[in-house]
Amino acid sequence: MSELDVAKEKIAYLKVWLGVLLVTDISTFGWLVSNVHTAATLLLWAAVIVVVALTVGILLLHRRIDRHIQSLKEL
């Protein structure tokens, strides 16, 4: 397997995890919005922390994927 193929597979694998993080983030945010008036305060704060953590994770993973894509220019 060539180095280019390995790099492409690594990017594809990271994109799968990016999709998982995005769906989880959107779902958690949707739950938060729809349950803001009925859920316990502790649960709401936990959801806010999870949404922030997932969003930061998405941004970091996106930057990592972008770095891998930029490195393909060198191959």
C-alpha atoms as a PDB file:
ATOM      1  CA  MET A   1       0.000   0.000   0.000  1.00  0.00           C
ATOM      2  CA  SER A   2       1.472   3.325  -0.987  1.00  0.00           C
ATOM      3  CA  GLU A   3       1.998   6.204   1.402  1.00  0.00           C
ATOM      4  CA  LEU A   4      -0.697   8.189  -0.410  1.00  0.00           C
ATOM      5  CA  ASP A   5      -3.245   5.409   0.078  1.00  0.00           C
ATOM      6  CA  VAL A   6      -2.414   5.180   3.781  1.00  0.00           C
ATOM      7  CA  ALA A   7      -2.868   8.929   4.185  1.00  0.00           C
ATOM      8  CA  LYS A   8      -6.216   8.811   2.371  1.00  0.00           C
ATOM      9  CA  GLU A   9      -7.422   5.965   4.593  1.00  0.00           C
ATOM     10  CA  LYS A  10      -6.384   7.861   7.706  1.00  0.00           C
ATOM     11  CA  ILE A  11      -8.350  10.899   6.527  1.00  0.00           C
ATOM     12  CA  ALA A  12     -11.387   8.739   5.751  1.00  0.00           C
ATOM     13  CA  TYR A  13     -11.214   7.178   9.231  1.00  0.00           C
ATOM     14  CA  LEU A  14     -11.005  10.595  10.891  1.00  0.00           C
ATOM     15  CA  LYS A  15     -13.950  11.817   8.806  1.00  0.00           C
ATOM     16  CA  VAL A  16     -16.074   8.954  10.143  1.00  0.00           C
ATOM     17  CA  TRP A  17     -15.328  10.047  13.711  1.00  0.00           C
ATOM     18  CA  LEU A  18     -16.036  13.648  12.766  1.00  0.00           C
ATOM     19  CA  GLY A  19     -19.462  12.559  11.571  1.00  0.00           C
ATOM     20  CA  VAL A  20     -20.102  10.662  14.811  1.00  0.00           C
ATOM     21  CA  LEU A  21     -19.136  13.711  16.864  1.00  0.00           C
ATOM     22  CA  LEU A  22     -21.336  15.985  14.732  1.00  0.00           C
ATOM     23  CA  VAL A  23     -24.413  13.781  15.073  1.00  0.00           C
ATOM     24  CA  THR A  24     -23.879  13.430  18.824  1.00  0.00           C
ATOM     25  CA  ASP A  25     -23.389  17.183  19.215  1.00  0.00           C
ATOM     26  CA  ILE A  26     -26.513  18.035  17.223  1.00  0.00           C
ATOM     27  CA  SER A  27     -28.586  15.458  19.092  1.00  0.00           C
ATOM     28  CA  THR A  28     -27.420  16.654  22.501  1.00  0.00           C
ATOM     29  CA  PHE A  29     -28.055  20.268  21.563  1.00  0.00           C
ATOM     30  CA  GLY A  30     -31.522  19.353  20.295  1.00  0.00           C
ATOM     31  CA  TRP A  31     -32.290  17.557  23.551  1.00  0.00           C
ATOM     32  CA  LEU A  32     -31.059  20.570  25.484  1.00  0.00           C
ATOM     33  CA  VAL A  33     -33.269  22.981  23.566  1.00  0.00           C
ATOM     34  CA  SER A  34     -36.375  20.830  23.821  1.00  0.00           C
ATOM     35  CA  ASN A  35     -35.966  20.049  27.541  1.00  0.00           C
ATOM     36  CA  VAL A  36     -34.748  23.390  28.848  1.00  0.00           C
ATOM     37  CA  HIS A  37     -37.965  23.988  30.830  1.00  0.00           C
ATOM     38  CA  THR A  38     -38.562  20.469  32.146  1.00  0.00           C
ATOM     39  CA  ALA A  39     -35.180  18.903  32.965  1.00  0.00           C
ATOM     40  CA  ALA A  40     -33.327  19.194  36.251  1.00  0.00           C
ATOM     41  CA  THR A  41     -30.765  21.983  36.515  1.00  0.00           C
ATOM     42  CA  LEU A  42     -27.864  19.563  37.013  1.00  0.00           C
ATOM     43  CA  LEU A  43     -28.842  17.645  33.886  1.00  0.00           C
ATOM     44  CA  LEU A  44     -29.073  20.852  31.877  1.00  0.00           C
ATOM     45  CA  TRP A  45     -25.609  21.962  32.988  1.00  0.00           C
ATOM     46  CA  ALA A  46     -24.237  18.538  32.151  1.00  0.00           C
ATOM     47  CA  ALA A  47     -25.744  18.812  28.662  1.00  0.00           C
ATOM     48  CA  VAL A  48     -24.227  22.278  28.193  1.00  0.00           C
ATOM     49  CA  ILE A  49     -20.795  20.945  29.195  1.00  0.00           C
ATOM     50  CA  VAL A  50     -21.165  17.983  26.833  1.00  0.00           C
ATOM     51  CA  VAL A  51     -22.203  20.243  23.934  1.00  0.00           C
ATOM     52  CA  VAL A  52     -19.216  22.528  24.537  1.00  0.00           C
ATOM     53  CA  ALA A  53     -16.823  19.571  24.835  1.00  0.00           C
ATOM     54  CA  LEU A  54     -18.159  17.951  21.670  1.00  0.00           C
ATOM     55  CA  THR A  55     -17.934  21.234  19.766  1.00  0.00           C
ATOM     56  CA  VAL A  56     -14.320  21.702  20.838  1.00  0.00           C
ATOM     57  CA  GLY A  57     -13.617  18.096  19.842  1.00  0.00           C
ATOM     58  CA  ILE A  58     -15.165  18.705  16.434  1.00  0.00           C
ATOM     59  CA  LEU A  59     -13.013  21.778  15.888  1.00  0.00           C
ATOM     60  CA  LEU A  60      -9.828  19.973  16.944  1.00  0.00           C
ATOM     61  CA  LEU A  61     -10.608  16.965  14.772  1.00  0.00           C
ATOM     62  CA  HIS A  62     -11.369  19.241  11.830  1.00  0.00           C
ATOM     63  CA  ARG A  63      -7.989  20.928  12.246  1.00  0.00           C
ATOM     64  CA  ARG A  64      -6.296  17.515  12.370  1.00  0.00           C
ATOM     65  CA  ILE A  65      -8.039  16.403   9.170  1.00  0.00           C
ATOM     66  CA  ASP A  66      -7.048  19.677   7.497  1.00  0.00           C
ATOM     67  CA  ARG A  67      -3.399  19.131   8.471  1.00  0.00           C
ATOM     68  CA  HIS A  68      -3.500  15.638   6.968  1.00  0.00           C
ATOM     69  CA  ILE A  69      -5.014  17.000   3.767  1.00  0.00           C
ATOM     70  CA  GLN A  70      -2.342  19.687   3.565  1.00  0.00           C
ATOM     71  CA  SER A  71       0.337  17.029   4.020  1.00  0.00           C
ATOM     72  CA  LEU A  72      -0.977  15.257   0.917  1.00  0.00           C
ATOM     73  CA  LYS A  73       0.373  18.125  -1.145  1.00  0.00           C
ATOM     74  CA  GLU A  74       3.871  16.979  -0.215  1.00  0.00           C
ATOM     75  CA  LEU A  75       3.313  13.414  -1.482  1.00  0.00           C
END
